[in-house]
Amino acid sequence: MLVRVDKRNQLHLVAIQSAQIPNMPPRDVLMDMLHARDDDGRWFKGAAATVEIARRIPIAWPLSLYAKLPLAMPILDFMYRAFADNRHRISRMLGLKACKVPERRA
């Protein structure tokens, strides 16, 4: 899904199983929730990672604006955790493969 909406190739998706990234958190930590790393090497997790990704994808950019509102991040953290805890069930219901990292087309 992210590959399809990332028309400007702003994201570099890496499968956890094969990741070799400087200062990478332990794999068991990475498996618990979404993580993102910016060009400066800063790591974000959970809802904060989702917001960082949204900043780079035009269709999701409004989420990054919402995140700046007071109390928005606690709400996004709650929503993220609820989604993450049920991601495999939600993925099956939608006929998707949860957390699969597709290859980019050349």
PDB file of N, CA and C in Angstrom:
ATOM      1  N   MET A   1       0.817  -1.194   0.000  1.00  0.00           N
ATOM      2  CA  MET A   1       0.000   0.000   0.000  1.00  0.00           C
ATOM      3  C   MET A   1       0.868   1.269   0.000  1.00  0.00           C
ATOM      4  N   LEU A   2       1.856   1.330   0.896  1.00  0.00           N
ATOM      5  CA  LEU A   2       2.705   2.517   0.950  1.00  0.00           C
ATOM      6  C   LEU A   2       3.466   2.733  -0.349  1.00  0.00           C
ATOM      7  N   VAL A   3       3.914   1.660  -0.961  1.00  0.00           N
ATOM      8  CA  VAL A   3       4.648   1.788  -2.219  1.00  0.00           C
ATOM      9  C   VAL A   3       3.764   2.427  -3.288  1.00  0.00           C
ATOM     10  N   ARG A   4       2.502   2.055  -3.314  1.00  0.00           N
ATOM     11  CA  ARG A   4       1.588   2.597  -4.332  1.00  0.00           C
ATOM     12  C   ARG A   4       1.321   4.081  -4.147  1.00  0.00           C
ATOM     13  N   VAL A   5       1.222   4.548  -2.899  1.00  0.00           N
ATOM     14  CA  VAL A   5       0.900   5.959  -2.666  1.00  0.00           C
ATOM     15  C   VAL A   5       2.141   6.841  -2.567  1.00  0.00           C
ATOM     16  N   ASP A   6       3.318   6.236  -2.499  1.00  0.00           N
ATOM     17  CA  ASP A   6       4.578   6.983  -2.435  1.00  0.00           C
ATOM     18  C   ASP A   6       5.076   7.258  -3.852  1.00  0.00           C
ATOM     19  N   LYS A   7       4.377   8.113  -4.557  1.00  0.00           N
ATOM     20  CA  LYS A   7       4.671   8.392  -5.967  1.00  0.00           C
ATOM     21  C   LYS A   7       6.025   9.081  -6.159  1.00  0.00           C
ATOM     22  N   ARG A   8       6.498   9.809  -5.140  1.00  0.00           N
ATOM     23  CA  ARG A   8       7.765  10.532  -5.268  1.00  0.00           C
ATOM     24  C   ARG A   8       8.946   9.750  -4.675  1.00  0.00           C
ATOM     25  N   ASN A   9       8.704   8.478  -4.336  1.00  0.00           N
ATOM     26  CA  ASN A   9       9.758   7.615  -3.777  1.00  0.00           C
ATOM     27  C   ASN A   9      10.465   8.252  -2.579  1.00  0.00           C
ATOM     28  N   GLN A  10       9.674   8.748  -1.654  1.00  0.00           N
ATOM     29  CA  GLN A  10      10.213   9.372  -0.449  1.00  0.00           C
ATOM     30  C   GLN A  10      10.572   8.355   0.627  1.00  0.00           C
ATOM     31  N   LEU A  11       9.976   7.171   0.543  1.00  0.00           N
ATOM     32  CA  LEU A  11      10.181   6.153   1.573  1.00  0.00           C
ATOM     33  C   LEU A  11      11.122   5.060   1.078  1.00  0.00           C
ATOM     34  N   HIS A  12      11.872   4.525   1.998  1.00  0.00           N
ATOM     35  CA  HIS A  12      12.721   3.365   1.713  1.00  0.00           C
ATOM     36  C   HIS A  12      12.278   2.282   2.690  1.00  0.00           C
ATOM     37  N   LEU A  13      11.450   1.361   2.218  1.00  0.00           N
ATOM     38  CA  LEU A  13      10.904   0.313   3.074  1.00  0.00           C
ATOM     39  C   LEU A  13      11.886  -0.844   3.161  1.00  0.00           C
ATOM     40  N   VAL A  14      12.082  -1.334   4.388  1.00  0.00           N
ATOM     41  CA  VAL A  14      13.020  -2.419   4.618  1.00  0.00           C
ATOM     42  C   VAL A  14      12.342  -3.477   5.475  1.00  0.00           C
ATOM     43  N   ALA A  15      12.426  -4.724   5.057  1.00  0.00           N
ATOM     44  CA  ALA A  15      11.882  -5.825   5.852  1.00  0.00           C
ATOM     45  C   ALA A  15      12.719  -5.986   7.114  1.00  0.00           C
ATOM     46  N   ILE A  16      12.064  -6.131   8.238  1.00  0.00           N
ATOM     47  CA  ILE A  16      12.763  -6.279   9.516  1.00  0.00           C
ATOM     48  C   ILE A  16      13.722  -7.461   9.479  1.00  0.00           C
ATOM     49  N   GLN A  17      13.295  -8.525   8.855  1.00  0.00           N
ATOM     50  CA  GLN A  17      14.086  -9.756   8.846  1.00  0.00           C
ATOM     51  C   GLN A  17      15.452  -9.573   8.192  1.00  0.00           C
ATOM     52  N   SER A  18      15.570  -8.640   7.243  1.00  0.00           N
ATOM     53  CA  SER A  18      16.834  -8.453   6.538  1.00  0.00           C
ATOM     54  C   SER A  18      17.459  -7.080   6.796  1.00  0.00           C
ATOM     55  N   ALA A  19      16.893  -6.314   7.694  1.00  0.00           N
ATOM     56  CA  ALA A  19      17.363  -4.943   7.934  1.00  0.00           C
ATOM     57  C   ALA A  19      18.758  -4.920   8.543  1.00  0.00           C
ATOM     58  N   GLN A  20      19.577  -4.057   8.023  1.00  0.00           N
ATOM     59  CA  GLN A  20      20.911  -3.759   8.547  1.00  0.00           C
ATOM     60  C   GLN A  20      21.048  -2.241   8.507  1.00  0.00           C
ATOM     61  N   ILE A  21      20.520  -1.580   9.531  1.00  0.00           N
ATOM     62  CA  ILE A  21      20.461  -0.128   9.554  1.00  0.00           C
ATOM     63  C   ILE A  21      21.257   0.375  10.751  1.00  0.00           C
ATOM     64  N   PRO A  22      22.071   1.415  10.569  1.00  0.00           N
ATOM     65  CA  PRO A  22      22.844   1.948  11.696  1.00  0.00           C
ATOM     66  C   PRO A  22      21.946   2.333  12.881  1.00  0.00           C
ATOM     67  N   ASN A  23      22.405   1.989  14.074  1.00  0.00           N
ATOM     68  CA  ASN A  23      21.695   2.309  15.330  1.00  0.00           C
ATOM     69  C   ASN A  23      20.281   1.746  15.383  1.00  0.00           C
ATOM     70  N   MET A  24      20.067   0.652  14.693  1.00  0.00           N
ATOM     71  CA  MET A  24      18.756   0.014  14.621  1.00  0.00           C
ATOM     72  C   MET A  24      18.373  -0.556  15.995  1.00  0.00           C
ATOM     73  N   PRO A  25      17.126  -0.333  16.432  1.00  0.00           N
ATOM     74  CA  PRO A  25      16.669  -0.980  17.662  1.00  0.00           C
ATOM     75  C   PRO A  25      16.706  -2.502  17.502  1.00  0.00           C
ATOM     76  N   PRO A  26      16.686  -3.241  18.604  1.00  0.00           N
ATOM     77  CA  PRO A  26      16.660  -4.708  18.512  1.00  0.00           C
ATOM     78  C   PRO A  26      15.441  -5.186  17.715  1.00  0.00           C
ATOM     79  N   ARG A  27      15.591  -6.307  17.023  1.00  0.00           N
ATOM     80  CA  ARG A  27      14.508  -6.824  16.169  1.00  0.00           C
ATOM     81  C   ARG A  27      13.217  -7.079  16.941  1.00  0.00           C
ATOM     82  N   ASP A  28      13.306  -7.561  18.183  1.00  0.00           N
ATOM     83  CA  ASP A  28      12.075  -7.804  18.939  1.00  0.00           C
ATOM     84  C   ASP A  28      11.332  -6.500  19.213  1.00  0.00           C
ATOM     85  N   VAL A  29      12.052  -5.407  19.380  1.00  0.00           N
ATOM     86  CA  VAL A  29      11.431  -4.089  19.553  1.00  0.00           C
ATOM     87  C   VAL A  29      10.794  -3.651  18.239  1.00  0.00           C
ATOM     88  N   LEU A  30      11.498  -3.873  17.134  1.00  0.00           N
ATOM     89  CA  LEU A  30      10.967  -3.510  15.820  1.00  0.00           C
ATOM     90  C   LEU A  30       9.704  -4.301  15.489  1.00  0.00           C
ATOM     91  N   MET A  31       9.638  -5.543  15.950  1.00  0.00           N
ATOM     92  CA  MET A  31       8.476  -6.390  15.667  1.00  0.00           C
ATOM     93  C   MET A  31       7.225  -5.934  16.429  1.00  0.00           C
ATOM     94  N   ASP A  32       7.420  -5.203  17.518  1.00  0.00           N
ATOM     95  CA  ASP A  32       6.293  -4.791  18.360  1.00  0.00           C
ATOM     96  C   ASP A  32       5.454  -3.700  17.719  1.00  0.00           C
ATOM     97  N   MET A  33       6.105  -2.787  17.000  1.00  0.00           N
ATOM     98  CA  MET A  33       5.364  -1.683  16.383  1.00  0.00           C
ATOM     99  C   MET A  33       6.147  -1.096  15.223  1.00  0.00           C
ATOM    100  N   LEU A  34       5.476  -0.286  14.440  1.00  0.00           N
ATOM    101  CA  LEU A  34       6.087   0.375  13.297  1.00  0.00           C
ATOM    102  C   LEU A  34       7.214   1.291  13.759  1.00  0.00           C
ATOM    103  N   HIS A  35       8.320   1.252  13.034  1.00  0.00           N
ATOM    104  CA  HIS A  35       9.437   2.150  13.273  1.00  0.00           C
ATOM    105  C   HIS A  35       9.794   2.852  11.966  1.00  0.00           C
ATOM    106  N   ALA A  36      10.275   4.074  12.081  1.00  0.00           N
ATOM    107  CA  ALA A  36      10.732   4.830  10.923  1.00  0.00           C
ATOM    108  C   ALA A  36      11.987   5.591  11.327  1.00  0.00           C
ATOM    109  N   ARG A  37      12.866   5.773  10.362  1.00  0.00           N
ATOM    110  CA  ARG A  37      14.114   6.503  10.595  1.00  0.00           C
ATOM    111  C   ARG A  37      14.195   7.602   9.552  1.00  0.00           C
ATOM    112  N   ASP A  38      14.498   8.815   9.985  1.00  0.00           N
ATOM    113  CA  ASP A  38      14.608   9.908   9.027  1.00  0.00           C
ATOM    114  C   ASP A  38      16.033  10.015   8.490  1.00  0.00           C
ATOM    115  N   ASP A  39      16.245  10.954   7.601  1.00  0.00           N
ATOM    116  CA  ASP A  39      17.556  11.118   6.969  1.00  0.00           C
ATOM    117  C   ASP A  39      18.648  11.527   7.954  1.00  0.00           C
ATOM    118  N   ASP A  40      18.257  12.078   9.092  1.00  0.00           N
ATOM    119  CA  ASP A  40      19.224  12.480  10.118  1.00  0.00           C
ATOM    120  C   ASP A  40      19.541  11.350  11.085  1.00  0.00           C
ATOM    121  N   GLY A  41      18.931  10.168  10.867  1.00  0.00           N
ATOM    122  CA  GLY A  41      19.201   9.021  11.723  1.00  0.00           C
ATOM    123  C   GLY A  41      18.330   8.930  12.959  1.00  0.00           C
ATOM    124  N   ARG A  42      17.333   9.829  13.099  1.00  0.00           N
ATOM    125  CA  ARG A  42      16.423   9.777  14.255  1.00  0.00           C
ATOM    126  C   ARG A  42      15.389   8.681  14.033  1.00  0.00           C
ATOM    127  N   TRP A  43      15.108   7.928  15.077  1.00  0.00           N
ATOM    128  CA  TRP A  43      14.121   6.848  15.016  1.00  0.00           C
ATOM    129  C   TRP A  43      12.811   7.316  15.632  1.00  0.00           C
ATOM    130  N   PHE A  44      11.698   6.879  15.025  1.00  0.00           N
ATOM    131  CA  PHE A  44      10.348   7.160  15.503  1.00  0.00           C
ATOM    132  C   PHE A  44       9.625   5.828  15.591  1.00  0.00           C
ATOM    133  N   LYS A  45       8.697   5.718  16.537  1.00  0.00           N
ATOM    134  CA  LYS A  45       7.958   4.455  16.652  1.00  0.00           C
ATOM    135  C   LYS A  45       6.479   4.721  16.870  1.00  0.00           C
ATOM    136  N   GLY A  46       5.678   3.721  16.514  1.00  0.00           N
ATOM    137  CA  GLY A  46       4.234   3.800  16.720  1.00  0.00           C
ATOM    138  C   GLY A  46       3.595   4.939  15.952  1.00  0.00           C
ATOM    139  N   ALA A  47       2.751   5.696  16.639  1.00  0.00           N
ATOM    140  CA  ALA A  47       2.041   6.806  16.002  1.00  0.00           C
ATOM    141  C   ALA A  47       3.008   7.858  15.478  1.00  0.00           C
ATOM    142  N   ALA A  48       4.106   8.100  16.194  1.00  0.00           N
ATOM    143  CA  ALA A  48       5.090   9.084  15.732  1.00  0.00           C
ATOM    144  C   ALA A  48       5.706   8.646  14.406  1.00  0.00           C
ATOM    145  N   ALA A  49       5.945   7.349  14.228  1.00  0.00           N
ATOM    146  CA  ALA A  49       6.461   6.840  12.950  1.00  0.00           C
ATOM    147  C   ALA A  49       5.417   7.030  11.852  1.00  0.00           C
ATOM    148  N   THR A  50       4.170   6.793  12.187  1.00  0.00           N
ATOM    149  CA  THR A  50       3.084   6.976  11.219  1.00  0.00           C
ATOM    150  C   THR A  50       3.027   8.428  10.762  1.00  0.00           C
ATOM    151  N   VAL A  51       3.166   9.356  11.688  1.00  0.00           N
ATOM    152  CA  VAL A  51       3.154  10.787  11.354  1.00  0.00           C
ATOM    153  C   VAL A  51       4.355  11.142  10.480  1.00  0.00           C
ATOM    154  N   GLU A  52       5.528  10.618  10.796  1.00  0.00           N
ATOM    155  CA  GLU A  52       6.716  10.880   9.975  1.00  0.00           C
ATOM    156  C   GLU A  52       6.526  10.375   8.553  1.00  0.00           C
ATOM    157  N   ILE A  53       5.937   9.208   8.420  1.00  0.00           N
ATOM    158  CA  ILE A  53       5.649   8.664   7.083  1.00  0.00           C
ATOM    159  C   ILE A  53       4.626   9.548   6.375  1.00  0.00           C
ATOM    160  N   ALA A  54       3.592   9.974   7.091  1.00  0.00           N
ATOM    161  CA  ALA A  54       2.540  10.818   6.505  1.00  0.00           C
ATOM    162  C   ALA A  54       3.105  12.135   5.973  1.00  0.00           C
ATOM    163  N   ARG A  55       4.128  12.667   6.620  1.00  0.00           N
ATOM    164  CA  ARG A  55       4.735  13.920   6.160  1.00  0.00           C
ATOM    165  C   ARG A  55       5.338  13.789   4.764  1.00  0.00           C
ATOM    166  N   ARG A  56       5.633  12.578   4.360  1.00  0.00           N
ATOM    167  CA  ARG A  56       6.318  12.360   3.094  1.00  0.00           C
ATOM    168  C   ARG A  56       5.402  11.867   1.974  1.00  0.00           C
ATOM    169  N   ILE A  57       4.158  11.605   2.300  1.00  0.00           N
ATOM    170  CA  ILE A  57       3.206  11.087   1.315  1.00  0.00           C
ATOM    171  C   ILE A  57       2.049  12.078   1.188  1.00  0.00           C
ATOM    172  N   PRO A  58       1.914  12.720   0.033  1.00  0.00           N
ATOM    173  CA  PRO A  58       0.898  13.765  -0.118  1.00  0.00           C
ATOM    174  C   PRO A  58      -0.512  13.362   0.323  1.00  0.00           C
ATOM    175  N   ILE A  59      -0.955  12.167  -0.006  1.00  0.00           N
ATOM    176  CA  ILE A  59      -2.320  11.776   0.349  1.00  0.00           C
ATOM    177  C   ILE A  59      -2.506  11.648   1.870  1.00  0.00           C
ATOM    178  N   ALA A  60      -1.422  11.388   2.592  1.00  0.00           N
ATOM    179  CA  ALA A  60      -1.501  11.217   4.049  1.00  0.00           C
ATOM    180  C   ALA A  60      -1.047  12.464   4.811  1.00  0.00           C
ATOM    181  N   TRP A  61      -0.591  13.470   4.107  1.00  0.00           N
ATOM    182  CA  TRP A  61      -0.034  14.665   4.716  1.00  0.00           C
ATOM    183  C   TRP A  61      -0.961  15.335   5.734  1.00  0.00           C
ATOM    184  N   PRO A  62      -2.284  15.358   5.545  1.00  0.00           N
ATOM    185  CA  PRO A  62      -3.149  15.971   6.558  1.00  0.00           C
ATOM    186  C   PRO A  62      -2.983  15.360   7.957  1.00  0.00           C
ATOM    187  N   LEU A  63      -2.600  14.102   8.039  1.00  0.00           N
ATOM    188  CA  LEU A  63      -2.362  13.495   9.347  1.00  0.00           C
ATOM    189  C   LEU A  63      -1.234  14.211  10.085  1.00  0.00           C
ATOM    190  N   SER A  64      -0.213  14.642   9.357  1.00  0.00           N
ATOM    191  CA  SER A  64       0.887  15.355  10.008  1.00  0.00           C
ATOM    192  C   SER A  64       0.437  16.716  10.535  1.00  0.00           C
ATOM    193  N   LEU A  65      -0.533  17.330   9.877  1.00  0.00           N
ATOM    194  CA  LEU A  65      -1.102  18.584  10.385  1.00  0.00           C
ATOM    195  C   LEU A  65      -1.926  18.330  11.645  1.00  0.00           C
ATOM    196  N   TYR A  66      -2.754  17.291  11.608  1.00  0.00           N
ATOM    197  CA  TYR A  66      -3.561  16.930  12.763  1.00  0.00           C
ATOM    198  C   TYR A  66      -2.676  16.653  13.977  1.00  0.00           C
ATOM    199  N   ALA A  67      -1.539  16.009  13.754  1.00  0.00           N
ATOM    200  CA  ALA A  67      -0.642  15.624  14.844  1.00  0.00           C
ATOM    201  C   ALA A  67      -0.094  16.819  15.612  1.00  0.00           C
ATOM    202  N   LYS A  68      -0.139  18.002  15.020  1.00  0.00           N
ATOM    203  CA  LYS A  68       0.360  19.212  15.678  1.00  0.00           C
ATOM    204  C   LYS A  68      -0.646  19.807  16.658  1.00  0.00           C
ATOM    205  N   LEU A  69      -1.895  19.364  16.601  1.00  0.00           N
ATOM    206  CA  LEU A  69      -2.929  19.899  17.494  1.00  0.00           C
ATOM    207  C   LEU A  69      -2.722  19.403  18.926  1.00  0.00           C
ATOM    208  N   PRO A  70      -3.148  20.200  19.899  1.00  0.00           N
ATOM    209  CA  PRO A  70      -3.041  19.749  21.284  1.00  0.00           C
ATOM    210  C   PRO A  70      -3.808  18.437  21.486  1.00  0.00           C
ATOM    211  N   LEU A  71      -3.242  17.540  22.216  1.00  0.00           N
ATOM    212  CA  LEU A  71      -3.806  16.224  22.544  1.00  0.00           C
ATOM    213  C   LEU A  71      -3.908  15.269  21.357  1.00  0.00           C
ATOM    214  N   ALA A  72      -3.475  15.684  20.190  1.00  0.00           N
ATOM    215  CA  ALA A  72      -3.582  14.806  19.024  1.00  0.00           C
ATOM    216  C   ALA A  72      -2.699  13.568  19.171  1.00  0.00           C
ATOM    217  N   MET A  73      -1.472  13.732  19.640  1.00  0.00           N
ATOM    218  CA  MET A  73      -0.570  12.580  19.724  1.00  0.00           C
ATOM    219  C   MET A  73      -1.053  11.522  20.709  1.00  0.00           C
ATOM    220  N   PRO A  74      -1.573  11.871  21.886  1.00  0.00           N
ATOM    221  CA  PRO A  74      -2.121  10.808  22.739  1.00  0.00           C
ATOM    222  C   PRO A  74      -3.277  10.054  22.074  1.00  0.00           C
ATOM    223  N   ILE A  75      -4.104  10.766  21.323  1.00  0.00           N
ATOM    224  CA  ILE A  75      -5.205  10.122  20.604  1.00  0.00           C
ATOM    225  C   ILE A  75      -4.642   9.219  19.505  1.00  0.00           C
ATOM    226  N   LEU A  76      -3.670   9.718  18.755  1.00  0.00           N
ATOM    227  CA  LEU A  76      -3.054   8.907  17.699  1.00  0.00           C
ATOM    228  C   LEU A  76      -2.333   7.696  18.286  1.00  0.00           C
ATOM    229  N   ASP A  77      -1.669   7.875  19.437  1.00  0.00           N
ATOM    230  CA  ASP A  77      -1.011   6.734  20.097  1.00  0.00           C
ATOM    231  C   ASP A  77      -2.027   5.658  20.459  1.00  0.00           C
ATOM    232  N   PHE A  78      -3.165   6.057  21.005  1.00  0.00           N
ATOM    233  CA  PHE A  78      -4.223   5.104  21.371  1.00  0.00           C
ATOM    234  C   PHE A  78      -4.743   4.387  20.125  1.00  0.00           C
ATOM    235  N   MET A  79      -5.030   5.156  19.078  1.00  0.00           N
ATOM    236  CA  MET A  79      -5.552   4.567  17.846  1.00  0.00           C
ATOM    237  C   MET A  79      -4.512   3.649  17.202  1.00  0.00           C
ATOM    238  N   TYR A  80      -3.252   4.065  17.205  1.00  0.00           N
ATOM    239  CA  TYR A  80      -2.200   3.231  16.634  1.00  0.00           C
ATOM    240  C   TYR A  80      -2.113   1.902  17.368  1.00  0.00           C
ATOM    241  N   ARG A  81      -2.088   1.944  18.684  1.00  0.00           N
ATOM    242  CA  ARG A  81      -1.953   0.714  19.478  1.00  0.00           C
ATOM    243  C   ARG A  81      -3.137  -0.222  19.219  1.00  0.00           C
ATOM    244  N   ALA A  82      -4.350   0.338  19.141  1.00  0.00           N
ATOM    245  CA  ALA A  82      -5.531  -0.484  18.866  1.00  0.00           C
ATOM    246  C   ALA A  82      -5.414  -1.148  17.495  1.00  0.00           C
ATOM    247  N   PHE A  83      -4.933  -0.401  16.509  1.00  0.00           N
ATOM    248  CA  PHE A  83      -4.759  -0.966  15.170  1.00  0.00           C
ATOM    249  C   PHE A  83      -3.626  -1.998  15.172  1.00  0.00           C
ATOM    250  N   ALA A  84      -2.485  -1.643  15.754  1.00  0.00           N
ATOM    251  CA  ALA A  84      -1.322  -2.540  15.743  1.00  0.00           C
ATOM    252  C   ALA A  84      -1.627  -3.861  16.445  1.00  0.00           C
ATOM    253  N   ASP A  85      -2.371  -3.802  17.534  1.00  0.00           N
ATOM    254  CA  ASP A  85      -2.708  -5.022  18.269  1.00  0.00           C
ATOM    255  C   ASP A  85      -3.613  -5.954  17.472  1.00  0.00           C
ATOM    256  N   ASN A  86      -4.290  -5.407  16.465  1.00  0.00           N
ATOM    257  CA  ASN A  86      -5.226  -6.197  15.655  1.00  0.00           C
ATOM    258  C   ASN A  86      -4.860  -6.219  14.181  1.00  0.00           C
ATOM    259  N   ARG A  87      -3.615  -5.847  13.841  1.00  0.00           N
ATOM    260  CA  ARG A  87      -3.232  -5.687  12.435  1.00  0.00           C
ATOM    261  C   ARG A  87      -3.370  -6.970  11.622  1.00  0.00           C
ATOM    262  N   HIS A  88      -3.042  -8.105  12.219  1.00  0.00           N
ATOM    263  CA  HIS A  88      -3.143  -9.355  11.450  1.00  0.00           C
ATOM    264  C   HIS A  88      -4.610  -9.704  11.180  1.00  0.00           C
ATOM    265  N   ARG A  89      -5.465  -9.493  12.150  1.00  0.00           N
ATOM    266  CA  ARG A  89      -6.896  -9.746  11.973  1.00  0.00           C
ATOM    267  C   ARG A  89      -7.474  -8.791  10.929  1.00  0.00           C
ATOM    268  N   ILE A  90      -7.131  -7.516  11.016  1.00  0.00           N
ATOM    269  CA  ILE A  90      -7.623  -6.520  10.065  1.00  0.00           C
ATOM    270  C   ILE A  90      -7.122  -6.850   8.653  1.00  0.00           C
ATOM    271  N   SER A  91      -5.855  -7.227   8.565  1.00  0.00           N
ATOM    272  CA  SER A  91      -5.270  -7.580   7.275  1.00  0.00           C
ATOM    273  C   SER A  91      -6.006  -8.756   6.637  1.00  0.00           C
ATOM    274  N   ARG A  92      -6.273  -9.799   7.438  1.00  0.00           N
ATOM    275  CA  ARG A  92      -7.006 -10.963   6.911  1.00  0.00           C
ATOM    276  C   ARG A  92      -8.394 -10.564   6.435  1.00  0.00           C
ATOM    277  N   MET A  93      -9.087  -9.707   7.213  1.00  0.00           N
ATOM    278  CA  MET A  93     -10.435  -9.270   6.836  1.00  0.00           C
ATOM    279  C   MET A  93     -10.412  -8.520   5.504  1.00  0.00           C
ATOM    280  N   LEU A  94      -9.311  -7.795   5.244  1.00  0.00           N
ATOM    281  CA  LEU A  94      -9.197  -7.026   4.010  1.00  0.00           C
ATOM    282  C   LEU A  94      -8.548  -7.826   2.880  1.00  0.00           C
ATOM    283  N   GLY A  95      -8.171  -9.068   3.176  1.00  0.00           N
ATOM    284  CA  GLY A  95      -7.550  -9.914   2.168  1.00  0.00           C
ATOM    285  C   GLY A  95      -6.123  -9.510   1.842  1.00  0.00           C
ATOM    286  N   LEU A  96      -5.449  -8.898   2.805  1.00  0.00           N
ATOM    287  CA  LEU A  96      -4.078  -8.433   2.598  1.00  0.00           C
ATOM    288  C   LEU A  96      -3.098  -9.298   3.371  1.00  0.00           C
ATOM    289  N   LYS A  97      -1.822  -9.115   3.098  1.00  0.00           N
ATOM    290  CA  LYS A  97      -0.777  -9.791   3.849  1.00  0.00           C
ATOM    291  C   LYS A  97      -0.145  -8.755   4.773  1.00  0.00           C
ATOM    292  N   ALA A  98      -0.413  -8.869   6.057  1.00  0.00           N
ATOM    293  CA  ALA A  98       0.056  -7.884   7.040  1.00  0.00           C
ATOM    294  C   ALA A  98       1.563  -7.736   7.009  1.00  0.00           C
ATOM    295  N   CYS A  99       1.994  -6.494   7.022  1.00  0.00           N
ATOM    296  CA  CYS A  99       3.407  -6.145   7.189  1.00  0.00           C
ATOM    297  C   CYS A  99       4.320  -6.664   6.093  1.00  0.00           C
ATOM    298  N   LYS A 100       3.801  -7.047   4.972  1.00  0.00           N
ATOM    299  CA  LYS A 100       4.646  -7.488   3.868  1.00  0.00           C
ATOM    300  C   LYS A 100       5.285  -6.252   3.232  1.00  0.00           C
ATOM    301  N   VAL A 101       6.575  -6.326   2.949  1.00  0.00           N
ATOM    302  CA  VAL A 101       7.272  -5.219   2.307  1.00  0.00           C
ATOM    303  C   VAL A 101       7.424  -5.563   0.837  1.00  0.00           C
ATOM    304  N   PRO A 102       6.606  -4.941  -0.036  1.00  0.00           N
ATOM    305  CA  PRO A 102       6.686  -5.254  -1.469  1.00  0.00           C
ATOM    306  C   PRO A 102       7.923  -4.623  -2.094  1.00  0.00           C
ATOM    307  N   GLU A 103       8.374  -5.215  -3.186  1.00  0.00           N
ATOM    308  CA  GLU A 103       9.501  -4.647  -3.916  1.00  0.00           C
ATOM    309  C   GLU A 103       8.997  -3.495  -4.771  1.00  0.00           C
ATOM    310  N   ARG A 104       9.816  -2.470  -4.883  1.00  0.00           N
ATOM    311  CA  ARG A 104       9.466  -1.327  -5.746  1.00  0.00           C
ATOM    312  C   ARG A 104       9.679  -1.719  -7.196  1.00  0.00           C
ATOM    313  N   ARG A 105       8.827  -1.217  -8.031  1.00  0.00           N
ATOM    314  CA  ARG A 105       8.988  -1.443  -9.464  1.00  0.00           C
ATOM    315  C   ARG A 105       9.982  -0.439 -10.011  1.00  0.00           C
ATOM    316  N   ALA A 106      10.814  -0.881 -10.899  1.00  0.00           N
ATOM    317  CA  ALA A 106      11.842   0.012 -11.467  1.00  0.00           C
ATOM    318  C   ALA A 106      11.243   0.997 -12.433  1.00  0.00           C
TER     319      ALA A 106
END
